[in-house]
Amino acid sequence: MIQEGVKDFAARIGVDIEEFDRDHPLCFRVDGTLDFCLEYRVNEELINEDGTVKIVPPLILSLRFPVPQYDHGLMQKFLSHSSVEQLSSINFTLGYSGEQALMMTDIPVNARAADIENAIIMLKRQYEEIMTNE
């Protein structure tokens, strides 16, 4: 179950969490500057018409970082790297609100602590690669 994987991951980074669910995401900072959050999707389970198959939507791992308002060049760089035509170390979707951008990737519901750690490392690496290739 994903709750055990998240609790194991939290213990590895030195955080003791009592709950991990839709109302209690796990948010943390890496390297003192990068804000990550692991959370359930807002939508409920997807169920087919006859009710026999349920698909649990994956979790979302997001990396939030500041982007100066109207920095269209930087946003274009991130958008071009999120394209399916671009080879990336990890697939991600980009969101933007105000002066904050979010790189978001899916975490499967059967992920273990090591899978979560690897996704964090790859998302961080992708962020750093895009930022340094100006």
Protein backbone atom coordinates (compact mmCIF):
# COMPACT_ATOMS: atom_id res chain seq x y z
CA MET A 1 0.00 0.00 0.00
CA ILE A 2 1.26 3.49 -0.82
CA GLN A 3 0.75 4.76 2.74
CA GLU A 4 3.48 2.40 3.97
CA GLY A 5 5.81 3.49 1.17
CA VAL A 6 5.24 7.15 2.02
CA LYS A 7 5.75 6.55 5.75
CA ASP A 8 8.98 4.64 5.02
CA PHE A 9 10.16 7.49 2.80
CA ALA A 10 9.25 10.08 5.47
CA ALA A 11 11.20 8.11 8.07
CA ARG A 12 14.23 8.05 5.74
CA ILE A 13 14.22 11.85 5.55
CA GLY A 14 13.72 12.15 9.30
CA VAL A 15 10.03 13.06 9.39
CA ASP A 16 7.51 11.19 11.49
CA ILE A 17 4.07 11.40 9.88
CA GLU A 18 0.94 10.05 11.47
CA GLU A 19 -1.25 10.20 8.38
CA PHE A 20 -0.90 10.40 4.64
CA ASP A 21 -4.17 10.88 2.79
CA ARG A 22 -6.00 13.43 0.64
CA ASP A 23 -6.20 15.84 3.58
CA HIS A 24 -2.60 15.29 4.78
CA PRO A 25 -0.03 15.58 1.96
CA LEU A 26 3.68 15.24 2.64
CA CYS A 27 5.50 18.52 1.86
CA PHE A 28 9.22 19.00 2.41
CA ARG A 29 12.22 21.06 1.30
CA VAL A 30 15.31 19.65 -0.43
CA ASP A 31 18.68 21.41 -0.33
CA GLY A 32 17.08 24.28 1.56
CA THR A 33 15.57 25.75 -1.59
CA LEU A 34 13.37 23.29 -3.50
CA ASP A 35 9.84 22.69 -2.19
CA PHE A 36 8.38 19.26 -2.93
CA CYS A 37 4.94 17.91 -2.14
CA LEU A 38 3.60 14.37 -2.44
CA GLU A 39 -0.17 14.19 -2.50
CA TYR A 40 -3.18 12.29 -3.75
CA ARG A 41 -4.98 13.52 -6.81
CA VAL A 42 -8.20 15.34 -6.02
CA ASN A 43 -10.38 13.13 -8.21
CA GLU A 44 -11.85 9.94 -6.83
CA GLU A 45 -11.23 6.41 -8.05
CA LEU A 46 -12.17 5.84 -11.66
CA ILE A 47 -14.80 3.09 -11.94
CA ASN A 48 -16.03 1.57 -15.19
CA GLU A 49 -19.75 1.55 -16.02
CA ASP A 50 -20.55 -1.88 -14.58
CA GLY A 51 -18.55 -1.19 -11.41
CA THR A 52 -16.25 -4.19 -11.78
CA VAL A 53 -12.95 -2.40 -12.40
CA LYS A 54 -11.61 0.38 -10.19
CA ILE A 55 -8.53 2.36 -11.11
CA VAL A 56 -6.87 4.21 -8.28
CA PRO A 57 -5.33 7.39 -9.67
CA PRO A 58 -1.63 7.84 -9.00
CA LEU A 59 -0.14 10.28 -6.54
CA ILE A 60 1.38 13.56 -7.67
CA LEU A 61 4.91 14.59 -6.78
CA SER A 62 5.36 18.30 -7.38
CA LEU A 63 8.36 20.59 -7.27
CA ARG A 64 7.43 24.25 -6.69
CA PHE A 65 9.84 27.06 -7.57
CA PRO A 66 9.63 30.82 -8.09
CA VAL A 67 9.50 32.27 -11.59
CA PRO A 68 9.66 36.01 -12.12
CA GLN A 69 6.40 37.35 -13.50
CA TYR A 70 6.36 37.56 -17.28
CA ASP A 71 9.55 35.52 -17.70
CA HIS A 72 8.17 33.90 -20.82
CA GLY A 73 11.59 32.64 -21.91
CA LEU A 74 12.07 30.55 -18.78
CA MET A 75 8.53 29.20 -18.96
CA GLN A 76 9.07 28.28 -22.62
CA LYS A 77 12.20 26.32 -21.65
CA PHE A 78 10.28 24.31 -19.07
CA LEU A 79 7.36 23.76 -21.43
CA SER A 80 9.63 22.53 -24.20
CA HIS A 81 11.22 20.00 -21.83
CA SER A 82 7.82 18.74 -20.69
CA SER A 83 6.87 17.82 -24.27
CA VAL A 84 6.55 14.14 -25.21
CA GLU A 85 8.89 14.91 -28.09
CA GLN A 86 11.69 15.81 -25.66
CA LEU A 87 13.79 13.13 -24.01
CA SER A 88 13.72 13.85 -20.29
CA SER A 89 15.00 11.97 -17.27
CA ILE A 90 11.40 11.98 -15.99
CA ASN A 91 8.06 12.87 -17.56
CA PHE A 92 6.47 15.92 -16.01
CA THR A 93 3.65 18.39 -16.46
CA LEU A 94 4.19 22.08 -15.88
CA GLY A 95 1.82 24.37 -14.02
CA TYR A 96 2.07 28.09 -13.36
CA SER A 97 0.26 30.46 -11.03
CA GLY A 98 1.30 34.00 -10.13
CA GLU A 99 5.06 33.82 -9.68
CA GLN A 100 5.24 30.09 -8.88
CA ALA A 101 5.76 27.19 -11.26
CA LEU A 102 5.15 23.52 -10.55
CA MET A 103 6.79 20.54 -12.16
CA MET A 104 4.49 17.57 -11.50
CA THR A 105 4.97 13.86 -12.10
CA ASP A 106 2.88 10.81 -11.30
CA ILE A 107 3.85 8.33 -8.60
CA PRO A 108 2.15 4.92 -8.94
CA VAL A 109 0.03 3.77 -6.01
CA ASN A 110 2.24 0.70 -5.60
CA ALA A 111 5.42 2.81 -5.20
CA ARG A 112 7.87 2.03 -2.43
CA ALA A 113 10.06 4.49 -0.53
CA ALA A 114 12.95 3.95 -2.98
CA ASP A 115 10.66 4.72 -5.94
CA ILE A 116 9.62 8.00 -4.33
CA GLU A 117 13.26 8.91 -3.64
CA ASN A 118 14.22 8.15 -7.24
CA ALA A 119 11.38 10.31 -8.56
CA ILE A 120 12.51 13.20 -6.35
CA ILE A 121 16.10 12.85 -7.55
CA MET A 122 15.07 12.69 -11.21
CA LEU A 123 12.66 15.64 -10.95
CA LYS A 124 15.32 17.69 -9.15
CA ARG A 125 17.90 16.71 -11.78
CA GLN A 126 15.53 17.68 -14.60
CA TYR A 127 14.86 21.06 -12.92
CA GLU A 128 18.59 21.74 -12.50
CA GLU A 129 19.34 20.72 -16.08
CA ILE A 130 16.74 23.08 -17.48
CA MET A 131 17.86 25.95 -15.24
CA THR A 132 21.55 25.59 -16.14
CA ASN A 133 21.02 25.26 -19.91
CA GLU A 134 20.02 28.87 -20.50
